[in-house]
Protein backbone atom coordinates (compact mmCIF):
# COMPACT_ATOMS: atom_id res chain seq x y z
CA MET A 1 -9.78 8.45 16.60
CA THR A 2 -11.98 9.07 13.62
CA ASP A 3 -14.70 7.11 11.92
CA LEU A 4 -14.18 7.28 8.17
CA GLY A 5 -17.90 6.85 7.69
CA GLY A 6 -17.70 4.47 4.74
CA PRO A 7 -20.35 1.79 4.37
CA GLY A 8 -19.55 -1.17 6.55
CA ASN A 9 -16.53 0.62 7.99
CA HIS A 10 -17.43 1.53 11.54
CA ARG A 11 -14.00 0.74 12.90
CA ALA A 12 -12.25 3.58 14.63
CA ARG A 13 -8.89 4.46 13.14
CA GLY A 14 -5.97 6.48 14.30
CA PRO A 15 -5.20 9.68 12.38
CA GLY A 16 -2.23 8.01 10.67
CA ASP A 17 -4.06 4.93 9.40
CA GLY A 18 -5.79 6.33 6.31
CA PRO A 19 -4.46 5.65 2.83
CA GLU A 20 -3.35 9.27 2.36
CA ALA A 21 -1.43 9.35 5.64
CA VAL A 22 0.22 6.01 4.96
CA ALA A 23 1.05 7.10 1.40
CA SER A 24 2.82 10.14 2.82
CA GLN A 25 4.75 7.95 5.27
CA ILE A 26 5.76 5.61 2.45
CA ALA A 27 6.92 8.55 0.33
CA ASP A 28 9.11 9.71 3.23
CA ALA A 29 10.49 6.18 3.66
CA VAL A 30 11.23 5.88 -0.07
CA GLU A 31 13.12 9.19 -0.02
CA SER A 32 15.10 7.98 2.97
CA LEU A 33 15.79 4.62 1.31
CA THR A 34 16.85 6.37 -1.91
CA ALA A 35 19.29 8.53 0.07
CA LEU A 36 20.63 5.48 1.90
CA TRP A 37 21.13 3.64 -1.41
CA SER A 38 22.71 6.67 -3.06
CA VAL A 39 25.25 7.04 -0.26
CA ALA A 40 26.05 3.33 -0.42
CA ALA A 41 26.56 3.61 -4.19
CA GLN A 42 28.82 6.66 -3.80
CA GLU A 43 31.00 4.76 -1.34
CA ALA A 44 31.56 1.93 -3.83
CA SER A 45 34.88 1.36 -5.55
CA LEU A 46 33.68 3.29 -8.61
CA ARG A 47 31.32 6.23 -8.25
CA LEU A 48 28.45 6.07 -10.69
CA SER A 49 25.42 8.27 -11.24
CA LEU A 50 21.98 6.85 -10.59
CA HIS A 51 21.36 6.80 -14.38
CA GLN A 52 24.55 4.81 -14.91
CA LEU A 53 23.61 2.37 -12.16
CA ARG A 54 20.11 1.95 -13.58
CA ALA A 55 21.54 1.29 -17.03
CA LEU A 56 23.95 -1.33 -15.69
CA ARG A 57 21.19 -3.01 -13.66
CA THR A 58 18.94 -3.05 -16.73
CA VAL A 59 21.65 -4.74 -18.80
CA GLN A 60 22.35 -7.12 -15.92
CA THR A 61 18.71 -8.25 -15.80
CA ALA A 62 18.40 -8.48 -19.61
CA PRO A 63 21.84 -9.34 -21.01
CA GLY A 64 22.15 -8.77 -24.72
CA LEU A 65 19.38 -6.19 -24.99
CA ASN A 66 19.77 -3.53 -27.65
CA LEU A 67 20.12 0.22 -27.26
CA THR A 68 16.48 0.89 -28.12
CA ALA A 69 15.27 -1.50 -25.41
CA LEU A 70 17.64 0.11 -22.90
CA ALA A 71 16.39 3.60 -23.77
CA GLU A 72 12.78 2.45 -23.41
CA GLY A 73 13.52 0.68 -20.12
CA LEU A 74 15.15 3.81 -18.69
CA ASP A 75 12.55 6.13 -20.26
CA ILE A 76 15.23 8.22 -21.96
CA GLY A 77 15.88 9.19 -25.55
CA LEU A 78 17.99 7.08 -27.87
CA PRO A 79 20.80 9.69 -28.18
CA THR A 80 20.97 9.97 -24.38
CA ALA A 81 21.11 6.19 -24.02
CA SER A 82 23.86 6.03 -26.64
CA ARG A 83 26.00 8.62 -24.81
CA LEU A 84 25.35 6.82 -21.52
CA CYS A 85 26.57 3.55 -23.05
CA ASP A 86 29.61 5.34 -24.52
CA ARG A 87 30.62 6.48 -21.02
CA LEU A 88 29.99 3.05 -19.48
CA ALA A 89 31.96 1.34 -22.24
CA ALA A 90 34.83 3.83 -21.84
CA ALA A 91 34.89 2.99 -18.11
CA GLY A 92 35.15 -0.71 -18.97
CA LEU A 93 31.75 -1.57 -17.45
CA LEU A 94 29.75 -2.31 -20.59
CA GLU A 95 30.54 -3.79 -23.95
CA ARG A 96 28.75 -3.59 -27.25
CA ALA A 97 28.70 -6.60 -29.54
CA PRO A 98 27.12 -7.07 -32.96
CA HIS A 99 23.90 -9.04 -32.89
CA PRO A 100 24.57 -12.51 -34.34
CA ASP A 101 21.49 -12.35 -36.61
CA THR A 102 21.03 -8.65 -37.36
CA ARG A 103 24.04 -6.68 -38.56
CA ARG A 104 22.48 -3.29 -37.78
CA GLU A 105 21.66 -4.19 -34.18
CA VAL A 106 24.13 -4.04 -31.31
CA GLN A 107 23.75 -6.01 -28.11
CA LEU A 108 24.79 -4.69 -24.71
CA TRP A 109 26.61 -6.83 -22.16
CA LEU A 110 28.18 -6.19 -18.77
CA THR A 111 31.89 -6.72 -18.57
CA THR A 112 33.41 -8.66 -15.70
CA HIS A 113 34.42 -5.32 -14.21
CA GLY A 114 30.83 -4.06 -14.57
CA GLN A 115 29.54 -7.16 -12.79
CA ARG A 116 32.02 -6.62 -9.94
CA VAL A 117 31.05 -2.97 -9.57
CA LEU A 118 27.34 -3.83 -9.45
CA GLY A 119 28.07 -6.56 -6.89
CA ASP A 120 30.00 -4.05 -4.77
CA VAL A 121 27.15 -1.53 -4.91
CA ALA A 122 24.54 -4.21 -4.14
CA GLY A 123 26.57 -5.44 -1.16
CA ARG A 124 26.97 -1.94 0.24
CA ARG A 125 23.26 -1.24 -0.20
CA ALA A 126 22.30 -4.51 1.48
CA ARG A 127 24.59 -3.78 4.45
CA ALA A 128 23.25 -0.24 4.82
CA LEU A 129 19.65 -1.48 4.71
CA ALA A 130 20.41 -4.31 7.16
CA ALA A 131 21.95 -1.79 9.57
CA ALA A 132 18.80 0.35 9.42
CA LEU A 133 16.57 -2.70 9.91
CA ALA A 134 18.72 -3.91 12.82
CA ALA A 135 17.95 -0.66 14.61
CA MET A 136 14.23 -1.50 14.53
CA GLU A 137 12.44 -3.58 17.12
CA PRO A 138 11.78 -7.18 15.98
CA GLY A 139 8.03 -6.60 16.02
CA GLU A 140 8.43 -3.50 13.85
CA ARG A 141 10.53 -5.44 11.33
CA ALA A 142 7.92 -8.22 11.22
CA ALA A 143 5.12 -5.68 10.74
CA LEU A 144 7.09 -3.94 8.00
CA SER A 145 7.67 -7.26 6.25
CA ARG A 146 3.97 -8.17 6.43
CA GLY A 147 2.98 -4.72 5.25
CA LEU A 148 5.36 -4.84 2.29
CA ARG A 149 4.07 -8.25 1.25
CA GLY A 150 0.49 -6.94 1.46
CA PHE A 151 1.40 -3.82 -0.49
CA LEU A 152 3.07 -5.81 -3.28
CA ALA A 153 0.14 -8.21 -3.47
CA ALA A 154 -2.35 -5.34 -3.66
CA GLN A 155 -0.27 -3.52 -6.25
CA ASP A 156 -0.10 -6.62 -8.44
CA THR A 157 -3.87 -7.05 -8.39
CA ALA A 158 -5.05 -3.42 -8.50
CA PRO A 159 -6.06 -2.30 -12.01
CA GLY A 160 -3.93 0.59 -13.25
CA ALA A 161 -1.76 0.53 -10.13
CA GLY A 162 1.43 0.23 -12.17
CA GLY A 163 2.45 -3.28 -11.07
CA ALA A 164 5.93 -4.62 -11.70
CA GLU A 165 8.00 -3.00 -14.45
């Protein structure tokens, strides 16, 4: 047990309680969660890359957005976003439609098939995550839930912490 020596902080802490140690544990958990989600996505009816899945999810959350907004949301260049949409449209997952007010602008929409594929991936991810959580002790799950709520609350209020995107 170590005393961090900060003012007003005379509580003894375990070696794994400090922000740096917890940050490292979270990074490991995120990598594990990313792998779990990637495997679940690869087992879906249609195998999609993570970029393709992110693009579909972005269009799902903002139906009708244009190519520029998609590129900005994915932090990729416009030509890359255009090629990505070409592949998704060719697969029958995404459709482009002219904007009703602006002839030069094209809106992006999920097709019914795209919605089904995203639903399949989401279901597989949820089942994989539930299986991992089921292997935890109930007290550990409750502590994880409380910790995640606290983390999200702190992230939303911390200046420059990169809150919700």
